[in-house]
Amino acid sequence: MAKKGGVMAEKDLGKTSTGIKPNVSALLCYLLGFITGIVFLLIEKENKFVRFHAMQSIVTFGALFVICWIVPFLPYIRVVLLPILFIGELALWIILMIKGYQGEKFKLPVVGDFAEKNI
């Protein structure tokens, strides 16, 4: 949101085919990880901002989901790696929801470029 005359003005992120504000849709893309990302990628046909966040959610949290299933099978390092993964995933989840709600196209390294090319 941009500041205009001392009052916060909303960015024009375009219209959505769902009728939900684009910044709210972007936040919701991350709410349940890759699941809501898939839902919004399927139902949002017009808005590239929302589709970007949906794809970034799918790739990011889909990969983290797979990693979190593999790590428990790794002897010794799982004790250290699982808490780090959990804290990192929680922080990333919160940051991405906030950035989406603020109307920012916050691109993660590698994943953001992939999401942008494949929306």
PDB file of N, CA and C in Angstrom:
ATOM      1  N   MET A   1       0.830  -1.175   0.000  1.00  0.00           N
ATOM      2  CA  MET A   1       0.000   0.000   0.000  1.00  0.00           C
ATOM      3  C   MET A   1       0.876   1.240   0.000  1.00  0.00           C
ATOM      4  N   ALA A   2       0.561   2.176  -0.845  1.00  0.00           N
ATOM      5  CA  ALA A   2       1.333   3.405  -0.961  1.00  0.00           C
ATOM      6  C   ALA A   2       0.713   4.493  -0.085  1.00  0.00           C
ATOM      7  N   LYS A   3       1.560   5.346   0.453  1.00  0.00           N
ATOM      8  CA  LYS A   3       1.081   6.436   1.294  1.00  0.00           C
ATOM      9  C   LYS A   3       0.691   7.606   0.403  1.00  0.00           C
ATOM     10  N   LYS A   4      -0.528   8.102   0.574  1.00  0.00           N
ATOM     11  CA  LYS A   4      -1.038   9.182  -0.254  1.00  0.00           C
ATOM     12  C   LYS A   4      -1.709  10.212   0.649  1.00  0.00           C
ATOM     13  N   GLY A   5      -1.056  11.362   0.827  1.00  0.00           N
ATOM     14  CA  GLY A   5      -1.613  12.419   1.662  1.00  0.00           C
ATOM     15  C   GLY A   5      -1.784  12.009   3.110  1.00  0.00           C
ATOM     16  N   GLY A   6      -0.856  11.210   3.642  1.00  0.00           N
ATOM     17  CA  GLY A   6      -0.930  10.783   5.037  1.00  0.00           C
ATOM     18  C   GLY A   6      -1.839   9.574   5.257  1.00  0.00           C
ATOM     19  N   VAL A   7      -2.534   9.141   4.200  1.00  0.00           N
ATOM     20  CA  VAL A   7      -3.442   8.001   4.298  1.00  0.00           C
ATOM     21  C   VAL A   7      -2.900   6.880   3.416  1.00  0.00           C
ATOM     22  N   MET A   8      -3.007   5.661   3.898  1.00  0.00           N
ATOM     23  CA  MET A   8      -2.539   4.527   3.108  1.00  0.00           C
ATOM     24  C   MET A   8      -3.510   4.261   1.955  1.00  0.00           C
ATOM     25  N   ALA A   9      -3.004   4.281   0.727  1.00  0.00           N
ATOM     26  CA  ALA A   9      -3.819   4.006  -0.453  1.00  0.00           C
ATOM     27  C   ALA A   9      -3.474   2.615  -0.975  1.00  0.00           C
ATOM     28  N   GLU A  10      -4.488   1.891  -1.431  1.00  0.00           N
ATOM     29  CA  GLU A  10      -4.270   0.543  -1.939  1.00  0.00           C
ATOM     30  C   GLU A  10      -3.639   0.579  -3.319  1.00  0.00           C
ATOM     31  N   LYS A  11      -2.771  -0.394  -3.593  1.00  0.00           N
ATOM     32  CA  LYS A  11      -2.190  -0.543  -4.926  1.00  0.00           C
ATOM     33  C   LYS A  11      -3.269  -1.101  -5.844  1.00  0.00           C
ATOM     34  N   ASP A  12      -3.217  -0.743  -7.112  1.00  0.00           N
ATOM     35  CA  ASP A  12      -4.150  -1.303  -8.077  1.00  0.00           C
ATOM     36  C   ASP A  12      -3.554  -2.616  -8.592  1.00  0.00           C
ATOM     37  N   LEU A  13      -4.054  -3.709  -8.062  1.00  0.00           N
ATOM     38  CA  LEU A  13      -3.553  -5.032  -8.440  1.00  0.00           C
ATOM     39  C   LEU A  13      -4.458  -5.704  -9.457  1.00  0.00           C
ATOM     40  N   GLY A  14      -5.411  -4.952  -9.981  1.00  0.00           N
ATOM     41  CA  GLY A  14      -6.325  -5.487 -10.977  1.00  0.00           C
ATOM     42  C   GLY A  14      -7.518  -6.188 -10.356  1.00  0.00           C
ATOM     43  N   LYS A  15      -8.316  -6.764 -11.216  1.00  0.00           N
ATOM     44  CA  LYS A  15      -9.518  -7.488 -10.800  1.00  0.00           C
ATOM     45  C   LYS A  15      -9.209  -8.982 -10.760  1.00  0.00           C
ATOM     46  N   THR A  16      -9.992  -9.685  -9.969  1.00  0.00           N
ATOM     47  CA  THR A  16      -9.851 -11.141  -9.921  1.00  0.00           C
ATOM     48  C   THR A  16     -11.124 -11.779 -10.450  1.00  0.00           C
ATOM     49  N   SER A  17     -11.015 -12.990 -10.935  1.00  0.00           N
ATOM     50  CA  SER A  17     -12.196 -13.700 -11.421  1.00  0.00           C
ATOM     51  C   SER A  17     -13.026 -14.257 -10.268  1.00  0.00           C
ATOM     52  N   THR A  18     -12.462 -14.251  -9.047  1.00  0.00           N
ATOM     53  CA  THR A  18     -13.180 -14.766  -7.884  1.00  0.00           C
ATOM     54  C   THR A  18     -13.988 -13.694  -7.168  1.00  0.00           C
ATOM     55  N   GLY A  19     -13.679 -12.430  -7.418  1.00  0.00           N
ATOM     56  CA  GLY A  19     -14.348 -11.343  -6.725  1.00  0.00           C
ATOM     57  C   GLY A  19     -13.687 -10.986  -5.399  1.00  0.00           C
ATOM     58  N   ILE A  20     -12.688 -11.742  -4.999  1.00  0.00           N
ATOM     59  CA  ILE A  20     -11.934 -11.463  -3.779  1.00  0.00           C
ATOM     60  C   ILE A  20     -10.836 -10.463  -4.133  1.00  0.00           C
ATOM     61  N   LYS A  21     -10.549  -9.527  -3.227  1.00  0.00           N
ATOM     62  CA  LYS A  21      -9.477  -8.571  -3.479  1.00  0.00           C
ATOM     63  C   LYS A  21      -8.177  -9.333  -3.755  1.00  0.00           C
ATOM     64  N   PRO A  22      -7.364  -8.855  -4.698  1.00  0.00           N
ATOM     65  CA  PRO A  22      -6.128  -9.556  -5.049  1.00  0.00           C
ATOM     66  C   PRO A  22      -5.165  -9.756  -3.873  1.00  0.00           C
ATOM     67  N   ASN A  23      -5.054  -8.753  -2.990  1.00  0.00           N
ATOM     68  CA  ASN A  23      -4.132  -8.913  -1.867  1.00  0.00           C
ATOM     69  C   ASN A  23      -4.627  -9.967  -0.880  1.00  0.00           C
ATOM     70  N   VAL A  24      -5.940 -10.075  -0.700  1.00  0.00           N
ATOM     71  CA  VAL A  24      -6.500 -11.106   0.180  1.00  0.00           C
ATOM     72  C   VAL A  24      -6.318 -12.484  -0.462  1.00  0.00           C
ATOM     73  N   SER A  25      -6.528 -12.558  -1.773  1.00  0.00           N
ATOM     74  CA  SER A  25      -6.319 -13.813  -2.496  1.00  0.00           C
ATOM     75  C   SER A  25      -4.863 -14.269  -2.388  1.00  0.00           C
ATOM     76  N   ALA A  26      -3.930 -13.322  -2.505  1.00  0.00           N
ATOM     77  CA  ALA A  26      -2.502 -13.652  -2.396  1.00  0.00           C
ATOM     78  C   ALA A  26      -2.195 -14.225  -1.015  1.00  0.00           C
ATOM     79  N   LEU A  27      -2.734 -13.614   0.025  1.00  0.00           N
ATOM     80  CA  LEU A  27      -2.548 -14.143   1.384  1.00  0.00           C
ATOM     81  C   LEU A  27      -3.116 -15.552   1.480  1.00  0.00           C
ATOM     82  N   LEU A  28      -4.326 -15.743   0.943  1.00  0.00           N
ATOM     83  CA  LEU A  28      -4.986 -17.046   1.032  1.00  0.00           C
ATOM     84  C   LEU A  28      -4.245 -18.135   0.255  1.00  0.00           C
ATOM     85  N   CYS A  29      -3.480 -17.758  -0.773  1.00  0.00           N
ATOM     86  CA  CYS A  29      -2.683 -18.733  -1.525  1.00  0.00           C
ATOM     87  C   CYS A  29      -1.712 -19.475  -0.618  1.00  0.00           C
ATOM     88  N   TYR A  30      -1.277 -18.820   0.451  1.00  0.00           N
ATOM     89  CA  TYR A  30      -0.292 -19.407   1.361  1.00  0.00           C
ATOM     90  C   TYR A  30      -0.923 -20.015   2.614  1.00  0.00           C
ATOM     91  N   LEU A  31      -2.178 -19.741   2.876  1.00  0.00           N
ATOM     92  CA  LEU A  31      -2.806 -20.108   4.147  1.00  0.00           C
ATOM     93  C   LEU A  31      -2.643 -21.585   4.497  1.00  0.00           C
ATOM     94  N   LEU A  32      -2.944 -22.473   3.578  1.00  0.00           N
ATOM     95  CA  LEU A  32      -2.777 -23.915   3.820  1.00  0.00           C
ATOM     96  C   LEU A  32      -1.685 -24.502   2.943  1.00  0.00           C
ATOM     97  N   GLY A  33      -0.669 -23.693   2.694  1.00  0.00           N
ATOM     98  CA  GLY A  33       0.474 -24.152   1.917  1.00  0.00           C
ATOM     99  C   GLY A  33       0.117 -24.443   0.475  1.00  0.00           C
ATOM    100  N   PHE A  34       0.660 -25.521  -0.048  1.00  0.00           N
ATOM    101  CA  PHE A  34       0.468 -25.835  -1.463  1.00  0.00           C
ATOM    102  C   PHE A  34      -0.981 -26.167  -1.803  1.00  0.00           C
ATOM    103  N   ILE A  35      -1.786 -26.560  -0.819  1.00  0.00           N
ATOM    104  CA  ILE A  35      -3.191 -26.907  -1.076  1.00  0.00           C
ATOM    105  C   ILE A  35      -3.973 -25.680  -1.541  1.00  0.00           C
ATOM    106  N   THR A  36      -3.881 -24.568  -0.795  1.00  0.00           N
ATOM    107  CA  THR A  36      -4.592 -23.364  -1.222  1.00  0.00           C
ATOM    108  C   THR A  36      -3.928 -22.756  -2.456  1.00  0.00           C
ATOM    109  N   GLY A  37      -2.656 -23.002  -2.640  1.00  0.00           N
ATOM    110  CA  GLY A  37      -2.001 -22.568  -3.869  1.00  0.00           C
ATOM    111  C   GLY A  37      -2.624 -23.240  -5.079  1.00  0.00           C
ATOM    112  N   ILE A  38      -2.849 -24.538  -4.987  1.00  0.00           N
ATOM    113  CA  ILE A  38      -3.483 -25.286  -6.083  1.00  0.00           C
ATOM    114  C   ILE A  38      -4.900 -24.770  -6.319  1.00  0.00           C
ATOM    115  N   VAL A  39      -5.648 -24.566  -5.240  1.00  0.00           N
ATOM    116  CA  VAL A  39      -7.029 -24.084  -5.367  1.00  0.00           C
ATOM    117  C   VAL A  39      -7.065 -22.753  -6.108  1.00  0.00           C
ATOM    118  N   PHE A  40      -6.224 -21.797  -5.691  1.00  0.00           N
ATOM    119  CA  PHE A  40      -6.244 -20.482  -6.333  1.00  0.00           C
ATOM    120  C   PHE A  40      -5.687 -20.520  -7.749  1.00  0.00           C
ATOM    121  N   LEU A  41      -4.754 -21.392  -8.028  1.00  0.00           N
ATOM    122  CA  LEU A  41      -4.253 -21.506  -9.397  1.00  0.00           C
ATOM    123  C   LEU A  41      -5.353 -22.027 -10.320  1.00  0.00           C
ATOM    124  N   LEU A  42      -6.193 -22.909  -9.803  1.00  0.00           N
ATOM    125  CA  LEU A  42      -7.295 -23.462 -10.605  1.00  0.00           C
ATOM    126  C   LEU A  42      -8.457 -22.486 -10.776  1.00  0.00           C
ATOM    127  N   ILE A  43      -8.784 -21.727  -9.717  1.00  0.00           N
ATOM    128  CA  ILE A  43      -9.979 -20.876  -9.806  1.00  0.00           C
ATOM    129  C   ILE A  43      -9.696 -19.463 -10.317  1.00  0.00           C
ATOM    130  N   GLU A  44      -8.471 -18.989 -10.184  1.00  0.00           N
ATOM    131  CA  GLU A  44      -8.143 -17.632 -10.652  1.00  0.00           C
ATOM    132  C   GLU A  44      -7.606 -17.709 -12.072  1.00  0.00           C
ATOM    133  N   LYS A  45      -8.378 -17.194 -12.995  1.00  0.00           N
ATOM    134  CA  LYS A  45      -8.004 -17.289 -14.411  1.00  0.00           C
ATOM    135  C   LYS A  45      -7.383 -15.994 -14.944  1.00  0.00           C
ATOM    136  N   GLU A  46      -7.658 -14.846 -14.309  1.00  0.00           N
ATOM    137  CA  GLU A  46      -7.272 -13.559 -14.877  1.00  0.00           C
ATOM    138  C   GLU A  46      -6.055 -12.914 -14.227  1.00  0.00           C
ATOM    139  N   ASN A  47      -6.035 -12.831 -12.930  1.00  0.00           N
ATOM    140  CA  ASN A  47      -5.086 -11.981 -12.222  1.00  0.00           C
ATOM    141  C   ASN A  47      -3.713 -12.639 -12.091  1.00  0.00           C
ATOM    142  N   LYS A  48      -2.725 -12.064 -12.764  1.00  0.00           N
ATOM    143  CA  LYS A  48      -1.369 -12.631 -12.748  1.00  0.00           C
ATOM    144  C   LYS A  48      -0.708 -12.494 -11.390  1.00  0.00           C
ATOM    145  N   PHE A  49      -1.044 -11.461 -10.626  1.00  0.00           N
ATOM    146  CA  PHE A  49      -0.509 -11.276  -9.271  1.00  0.00           C
ATOM    147  C   PHE A  49      -0.916 -12.449  -8.376  1.00  0.00           C
ATOM    148  N   VAL A  50      -2.184 -12.798  -8.402  1.00  0.00           N
ATOM    149  CA  VAL A  50      -2.686 -13.910  -7.584  1.00  0.00           C
ATOM    150  C   VAL A  50      -2.122 -15.232  -8.098  1.00  0.00           C
ATOM    151  N   ARG A  51      -2.092 -15.415  -9.407  1.00  0.00           N
ATOM    152  CA  ARG A  51      -1.566 -16.654  -9.980  1.00  0.00           C
ATOM    153  C   ARG A  51      -0.080 -16.842  -9.645  1.00  0.00           C
ATOM    154  N   PHE A  52       0.689 -15.738  -9.615  1.00  0.00           N
ATOM    155  CA  PHE A  52       2.094 -15.816  -9.215  1.00  0.00           C
ATOM    156  C   PHE A  52       2.215 -16.339  -7.782  1.00  0.00           C
ATOM    157  N   HIS A  53       1.445 -15.761  -6.860  1.00  0.00           N
ATOM    158  CA  HIS A  53       1.522 -16.194  -5.462  1.00  0.00           C
ATOM    159  C   HIS A  53       1.041 -17.637  -5.306  1.00  0.00           C
ATOM    160  N   ALA A  54       0.034 -18.028  -6.080  1.00  0.00           N
ATOM    161  CA  ALA A  54      -0.443 -19.409  -6.024  1.00  0.00           C
ATOM    162  C   ALA A  54       0.655 -20.377  -6.472  1.00  0.00           C
ATOM    163  N   MET A  55       1.311 -20.064  -7.585  1.00  0.00           N
ATOM    164  CA  MET A  55       2.380 -20.942  -8.091  1.00  0.00           C
ATOM    165  C   MET A  55       3.568 -20.963  -7.141  1.00  0.00           C
ATOM    166  N   GLN A  56       3.933 -19.816  -6.588  1.00  0.00           N
ATOM    167  CA  GLN A  56       5.048 -19.773  -5.648  1.00  0.00           C
ATOM    168  C   GLN A  56       4.725 -20.601  -4.401  1.00  0.00           C
ATOM    169  N   SER A  57       3.479 -20.560  -3.959  1.00  0.00           N
ATOM    170  CA  SER A  57       3.048 -21.354  -2.813  1.00  0.00           C
ATOM    171  C   SER A  57       3.140 -22.852  -3.112  1.00  0.00           C
ATOM    172  N   ILE A  58       2.682 -23.244  -4.284  1.00  0.00           N
ATOM    173  CA  ILE A  58       2.715 -24.660  -4.673  1.00  0.00           C
ATOM    174  C   ILE A  58       4.147 -25.184  -4.686  1.00  0.00           C
ATOM    175  N   VAL A  59       5.031 -24.460  -5.347  1.00  0.00           N
ATOM    176  CA  VAL A  59       6.415 -24.920  -5.489  1.00  0.00           C
ATOM    177  C   VAL A  59       7.139 -24.903  -4.140  1.00  0.00           C
ATOM    178  N   THR A  60       7.016 -23.802  -3.404  1.00  0.00           N
ATOM    179  CA  THR A  60       7.732 -23.655  -2.131  1.00  0.00           C
ATOM    180  C   THR A  60       7.269 -24.674  -1.101  1.00  0.00           C
ATOM    181  N   PHE A  61       5.968 -24.678  -0.828  1.00  0.00           N
ATOM    182  CA  PHE A  61       5.474 -25.537   0.243  1.00  0.00           C
ATOM    183  C   PHE A  61       5.315 -26.988  -0.195  1.00  0.00           C
ATOM    184  N   GLY A  62       5.213 -27.224  -1.500  1.00  0.00           N
ATOM    185  CA  GLY A  62       5.250 -28.597  -2.003  1.00  0.00           C
ATOM    186  C   GLY A  62       6.625 -29.215  -1.780  1.00  0.00           C
ATOM    187  N   ALA A  63       7.663 -28.444  -2.099  1.00  0.00           N
ATOM    188  CA  ALA A  63       9.040 -28.924  -1.888  1.00  0.00           C
ATOM    189  C   ALA A  63       9.329 -29.125  -0.399  1.00  0.00           C
ATOM    190  N   LEU A  64       8.900 -28.170   0.428  1.00  0.00           N
ATOM    191  CA  LEU A  64       9.124 -28.303   1.874  1.00  0.00           C
ATOM    192  C   LEU A  64       8.363 -29.495   2.451  1.00  0.00           C
ATOM    193  N   PHE A  65       7.183 -29.779   1.919  1.00  0.00           N
ATOM    194  CA  PHE A  65       6.399 -30.932   2.351  1.00  0.00           C
ATOM    195  C   PHE A  65       7.173 -32.228   2.083  1.00  0.00           C
ATOM    196  N   VAL A  66       7.718 -32.337   0.887  1.00  0.00           N
ATOM    197  CA  VAL A  66       8.495 -33.528   0.516  1.00  0.00           C
ATOM    198  C   VAL A  66       9.746 -33.638   1.390  1.00  0.00           C
ATOM    199  N   ILE A  67      10.451 -32.533   1.576  1.00  0.00           N
ATOM    200  CA  ILE A  67      11.660 -32.533   2.398  1.00  0.00           C
ATOM    201  C   ILE A  67      11.346 -32.966   3.830  1.00  0.00           C
ATOM    202  N   CYS A  68      10.244 -32.465   4.367  1.00  0.00           N
ATOM    203  CA  CYS A  68       9.864 -32.812   5.751  1.00  0.00           C
ATOM    204  C   CYS A  68       9.452 -34.272   5.891  1.00  0.00           C
ATOM    205  N   TRP A  69       9.109 -34.932   4.797  1.00  0.00           N
ATOM    206  CA  TRP A  69       8.822 -36.370   4.832  1.00  0.00           C
ATOM    207  C   TRP A  69      10.101 -37.200   4.725  1.00  0.00           C
ATOM    208  N   ILE A  70      11.109 -36.661   4.075  1.00  0.00           N
ATOM    209  CA  ILE A  70      12.367 -37.391   3.866  1.00  0.00           C
ATOM    210  C   ILE A  70      13.294 -37.287   5.075  1.00  0.00           C
ATOM    211  N   VAL A  71      13.389 -36.104   5.664  1.00  0.00           N
ATOM    212  CA  VAL A  71      14.347 -35.845   6.755  1.00  0.00           C
ATOM    213  C   VAL A  71      14.211 -36.825   7.930  1.00  0.00           C
ATOM    214  N   PRO A  72      13.033 -37.213   8.373  1.00  0.00           N
ATOM    215  CA  PRO A  72      12.962 -38.149   9.507  1.00  0.00           C
ATOM    216  C   PRO A  72      13.646 -39.499   9.264  1.00  0.00           C
ATOM    217  N   PHE A  73      13.867 -39.839   8.006  1.00  0.00           N
ATOM    218  CA  PHE A  73      14.537 -41.102   7.694  1.00  0.00           C
ATOM    219  C   PHE A  73      16.062 -40.986   7.677  1.00  0.00           C
ATOM    220  N   LEU A  74      16.571 -39.783   7.869  1.00  0.00           N
ATOM    221  CA  LEU A  74      18.016 -39.572   7.876  1.00  0.00           C
ATOM    222  C   LEU A  74      18.543 -39.710   9.304  1.00  0.00           C
ATOM    223  N   PRO A  75      19.374 -40.702   9.546  1.00  0.00           N
ATOM    224  CA  PRO A  75      19.866 -40.885  10.908  1.00  0.00           C
ATOM    225  C   PRO A  75      20.776 -39.738  11.350  1.00  0.00           C
ATOM    226  N   TYR A  76      20.742 -39.456  12.610  1.00  0.00           N
ATOM    227  CA  TYR A  76      21.604 -38.475  13.283  1.00  0.00           C
ATOM    228  C   TYR A  76      21.259 -37.013  12.970  1.00  0.00           C
ATOM    229  N   ILE A  77      21.225 -36.638  11.692  1.00  0.00           N
ATOM    230  CA  ILE A  77      21.020 -35.216  11.388  1.00  0.00           C
ATOM    231  C   ILE A  77      19.558 -34.780  11.532  1.00  0.00           C
ATOM    232  N   ARG A  78      18.630 -35.730  11.593  1.00  0.00           N
ATOM    233  CA  ARG A  78      17.226 -35.353  11.703  1.00  0.00           C
ATOM    234  C   ARG A  78      16.931 -34.587  12.986  1.00  0.00           C
ATOM    235  N   VAL A  79      17.662 -34.897  14.053  1.00  0.00           N
ATOM    236  CA  VAL A  79      17.448 -34.229  15.338  1.00  0.00           C
ATOM    237  C   VAL A  79      17.743 -32.729  15.226  1.00  0.00           C
ATOM    238  N   VAL A  80      18.729 -32.378  14.443  1.00  0.00           N
ATOM    239  CA  VAL A  80      19.100 -30.971  14.260  1.00  0.00           C
ATOM    240  C   VAL A  80      18.288 -30.333  13.134  1.00  0.00           C
ATOM    241  N   LEU A  81      18.090 -31.063  12.058  1.00  0.00           N
ATOM    242  CA  LEU A  81      17.477 -30.504  10.857  1.00  0.00           C
ATOM    243  C   LEU A  81      15.976 -30.257  10.986  1.00  0.00           C
ATOM    244  N   LEU A  82      15.248 -31.127  11.653  1.00  0.00           N
ATOM    245  CA  LEU A  82      13.795 -30.956  11.758  1.00  0.00           C
ATOM    246  C   LEU A  82      13.382 -29.665  12.463  1.00  0.00           C
ATOM    247  N   PRO A  83      13.972 -29.331  13.621  1.00  0.00           N
ATOM    248  CA  PRO A  83      13.579 -28.051  14.246  1.00  0.00           C
ATOM    249  C   PRO A  83      13.932 -26.840  13.388  1.00  0.00           C
ATOM    250  N   ILE A  84      15.070 -26.885  12.701  1.00  0.00           N
ATOM    251  CA  ILE A  84      15.467 -25.781  11.831  1.00  0.00           C
ATOM    252  C   ILE A  84      14.475 -25.639  10.671  1.00  0.00           C
ATOM    253  N   LEU A  85      14.099 -26.769  10.083  1.00  0.00           N
ATOM    254  CA  LEU A  85      13.119 -26.763   8.998  1.00  0.00           C
ATOM    255  C   LEU A  85      11.781 -26.203   9.471  1.00  0.00           C
ATOM    256  N   PHE A  86      11.340 -26.636  10.643  1.00  0.00           N
ATOM    257  CA  PHE A  86      10.054 -26.190  11.170  1.00  0.00           C
ATOM    258  C   PHE A  86      10.045 -24.676  11.391  1.00  0.00           C
ATOM    259  N   ILE A  87      11.071 -24.157  12.034  1.00  0.00           N
ATOM    260  CA  ILE A  87      11.154 -22.719  12.322  1.00  0.00           C
ATOM    261  C   ILE A  87      11.274 -21.921  11.019  1.00  0.00           C
ATOM    262  N   GLY A  88      12.098 -22.405  10.099  1.00  0.00           N
ATOM    263  CA  GLY A  88      12.260 -21.728   8.813  1.00  0.00           C
ATOM    264  C   GLY A  88      10.977 -21.719   8.003  1.00  0.00           C
ATOM    265  N   GLU A  89      10.279 -22.847   7.988  1.00  0.00           N
ATOM    266  CA  GLU A  89       9.023 -22.935   7.243  1.00  0.00           C
ATOM    267  C   GLU A  89       7.959 -22.026   7.847  1.00  0.00           C
ATOM    268  N   LEU A  90       7.875 -21.973   9.158  1.00  0.00           N
ATOM    269  CA  LEU A  90       6.919 -21.104   9.840  1.00  0.00           C
ATOM    270  C   LEU A  90       7.205 -19.634   9.539  1.00  0.00           C
ATOM    271  N   ALA A  91       8.470 -19.242   9.616  1.00  0.00           N
ATOM    272  CA  ALA A  91       8.852 -17.852   9.334  1.00  0.00           C
ATOM    273  C   ALA A  91       8.551 -17.498   7.878  1.00  0.00           C
ATOM    274  N   LEU A  92       8.889 -18.387   6.959  1.00  0.00           N
ATOM    275  CA  LEU A  92       8.642 -18.154   5.541  1.00  0.00           C
ATOM    276  C   LEU A  92       7.147 -18.037   5.271  1.00  0.00           C
ATOM    277  N   TRP A  93       6.352 -18.885   5.875  1.00  0.00           N
ATOM    278  CA  TRP A  93       4.898 -18.880   5.723  1.00  0.00           C
ATOM    279  C   TRP A  93       4.321 -17.528   6.146  1.00  0.00           C
ATOM    280  N   ILE A  94       4.751 -17.038   7.300  1.00  0.00           N
ATOM    281  CA  ILE A  94       4.256 -15.753   7.812  1.00  0.00           C
ATOM    282  C   ILE A  94       4.695 -14.602   6.905  1.00  0.00           C
ATOM    283  N   ILE A  95       5.961 -14.587   6.510  1.00  0.00           N
ATOM    284  CA  ILE A  95       6.485 -13.524   5.649  1.00  0.00           C
ATOM    285  C   ILE A  95       5.740 -13.482   4.317  1.00  0.00           C
ATOM    286  N   LEU A  96       5.540 -14.638   3.702  1.00  0.00           N
ATOM    287  CA  LEU A  96       4.878 -14.676   2.400  1.00  0.00           C
ATOM    288  C   LEU A  96       3.424 -14.226   2.498  1.00  0.00           C
ATOM    289  N   MET A  97       2.737 -14.585   3.572  1.00  0.00           N
ATOM    290  CA  MET A  97       1.351 -14.121   3.740  1.00  0.00           C
ATOM    291  C   MET A  97       1.304 -12.608   3.925  1.00  0.00           C
ATOM    292  N   ILE A  98       2.207 -12.070   4.719  1.00  0.00           N
ATOM    293  CA  ILE A  98       2.244 -10.619   4.945  1.00  0.00           C
ATOM    294  C   ILE A  98       2.550  -9.879   3.647  1.00  0.00           C
ATOM    295  N   LYS A  99       3.566 -10.332   2.924  1.00  0.00           N
ATOM    296  CA  LYS A  99       3.952  -9.678   1.668  1.00  0.00           C
ATOM    297  C   LYS A  99       2.819  -9.743   0.636  1.00  0.00           C
ATOM    298  N   GLY A 100       2.148 -10.873   0.552  1.00  0.00           N
ATOM    299  CA  GLY A 100       1.010 -11.001  -0.358  1.00  0.00           C
ATOM    300  C   GLY A 100      -0.110 -10.046   0.013  1.00  0.00           C
ATOM    301  N   TYR A 101      -0.403  -9.942   1.300  1.00  0.00           N
ATOM    302  CA  TYR A 101      -1.466  -9.049   1.764  1.00  0.00           C
ATOM    303  C   TYR A 101      -1.105  -7.583   1.531  1.00  0.00           C
ATOM    304  N   GLN A 102       0.172  -7.268   1.610  1.00  0.00           N
ATOM    305  CA  GLN A 102       0.623  -5.893   1.361  1.00  0.00           C
ATOM    306  C   GLN A 102       0.650  -5.558  -0.131  1.00  0.00           C
ATOM    307  N   GLY A 103       0.341  -6.526  -0.963  1.00  0.00           N
ATOM    308  CA  GLY A 103       0.303  -6.284  -2.404  1.00  0.00           C
ATOM    309  C   GLY A 103       1.663  -6.340  -3.067  1.00  0.00           C
ATOM    310  N   GLU A 104       2.633  -6.965  -2.404  1.00  0.00           N
ATOM    311  CA  GLU A 104       3.981  -7.070  -2.961  1.00  0.00           C
ATOM    312  C   GLU A 104       4.158  -8.378  -3.721  1.00  0.00           C
ATOM    313  N   LYS A 105       4.830  -8.299  -4.830  1.00  0.00           N
ATOM    314  CA  LYS A 105       5.190  -9.505  -5.571  1.00  0.00           C
ATOM    315  C   LYS A 105       6.563  -9.929  -5.058  1.00  0.00           C
ATOM    316  N   PHE A 106       6.581 -10.491  -3.877  1.00  0.00           N
ATOM    317  CA  PHE A 106       7.802 -10.888  -3.189  1.00  0.00           C
ATOM    318  C   PHE A 106       8.285 -12.207  -3.778  1.00  0.00           C
ATOM    319  N   LYS A 107       9.388 -12.146  -4.517  1.00  0.00           N
ATOM    320  CA  LYS A 107       9.908 -13.332  -5.200  1.00  0.00           C
ATOM    321  C   LYS A 107      11.000 -13.995  -4.372  1.00  0.00           C
ATOM    322  N   LEU A 108      10.808 -15.260  -4.107  1.00  0.00           N
ATOM    323  CA  LEU A 108      11.851 -16.050  -3.463  1.00  0.00           C
ATOM    324  C   LEU A 108      12.912 -16.396  -4.508  1.00  0.00           C
ATOM    325  N   PRO A 109      14.171 -16.532  -4.095  1.00  0.00           N
ATOM    326  CA  PRO A 109      15.204 -16.931  -5.056  1.00  0.00           C
ATOM    327  C   PRO A 109      14.844 -18.260  -5.721  1.00  0.00           C
ATOM    328  N   VAL A 110      15.086 -18.389  -6.965  1.00  0.00           N
ATOM    329  CA  VAL A 110      14.845 -19.564  -7.804  1.00  0.00           C
ATOM    330  C   VAL A 110      13.344 -19.856  -7.939  1.00  0.00           C
ATOM    331  N   VAL A 111      12.656 -20.072  -6.837  1.00  0.00           N
ATOM    332  CA  VAL A 111      11.234 -20.413  -6.858  1.00  0.00           C
ATOM    333  C   VAL A 111      10.415 -19.280  -7.478  1.00  0.00           C
ATOM    334  N   GLY A 112      10.722 -18.044  -7.107  1.00  0.00           N
ATOM    335  CA  GLY A 112       9.978 -16.899  -7.639  1.00  0.00           C
ATOM    336  C   GLY A 112      10.120 -16.771  -9.149  1.00  0.00           C
ATOM    337  N   ASP A 113      11.325 -16.984  -9.656  1.00  0.00           N
ATOM    338  CA  ASP A 113      11.532 -16.934 -11.112  1.00  0.00           C
ATOM    339  C   ASP A 113      10.774 -18.057 -11.807  1.00  0.00           C
ATOM    340  N   PHE A 114      10.793 -19.241 -11.226  1.00  0.00           N
ATOM    341  CA  PHE A 114      10.069 -20.372 -11.787  1.00  0.00           C
ATOM    342  C   PHE A 114       8.553 -20.077 -11.808  1.00  0.00           C
ATOM    343  N   ALA A 115       8.052 -19.552 -10.690  1.00  0.00           N
ATOM    344  CA  ALA A 115       6.622 -19.234 -10.588  1.00  0.00           C
ATOM    345  C   ALA A 115       6.223 -18.184 -11.616  1.00  0.00           C
ATOM    346  N   GLU A 116       7.068 -17.185 -11.793  1.00  0.00           N
ATOM    347  CA  GLU A 116       6.773 -16.099 -12.723  1.00  0.00           C
ATOM    348  C   GLU A 116       6.714 -16.611 -14.167  1.00  0.00           C
ATOM    349  N   LYS A 117       7.585 -17.535 -14.508  1.00  0.00           N
ATOM    350  CA  LYS A 117       7.637 -18.065 -15.871  1.00  0.00           C
ATOM    351  C   LYS A 117       6.501 -19.049 -16.161  1.00  0.00           C
ATOM    352  N   ASN A 118       5.944 -19.672 -15.116  1.00  0.00           N
ATOM    353  CA  ASN A 118       4.981 -20.751 -15.303  1.00  0.00           C
ATOM    354  C   ASN A 118       3.555 -20.407 -14.872  1.00  0.00           C
ATOM    355  N   ILE A 119       3.214 -19.123 -14.822  1.00  0.00           N
ATOM    356  CA  ILE A 119       1.835 -18.774 -14.480  1.00  0.00           C
ATOM    357  C   ILE A 119       0.996 -18.579 -15.715  1.00  0.00           C
TER     358      ILE A 119
END
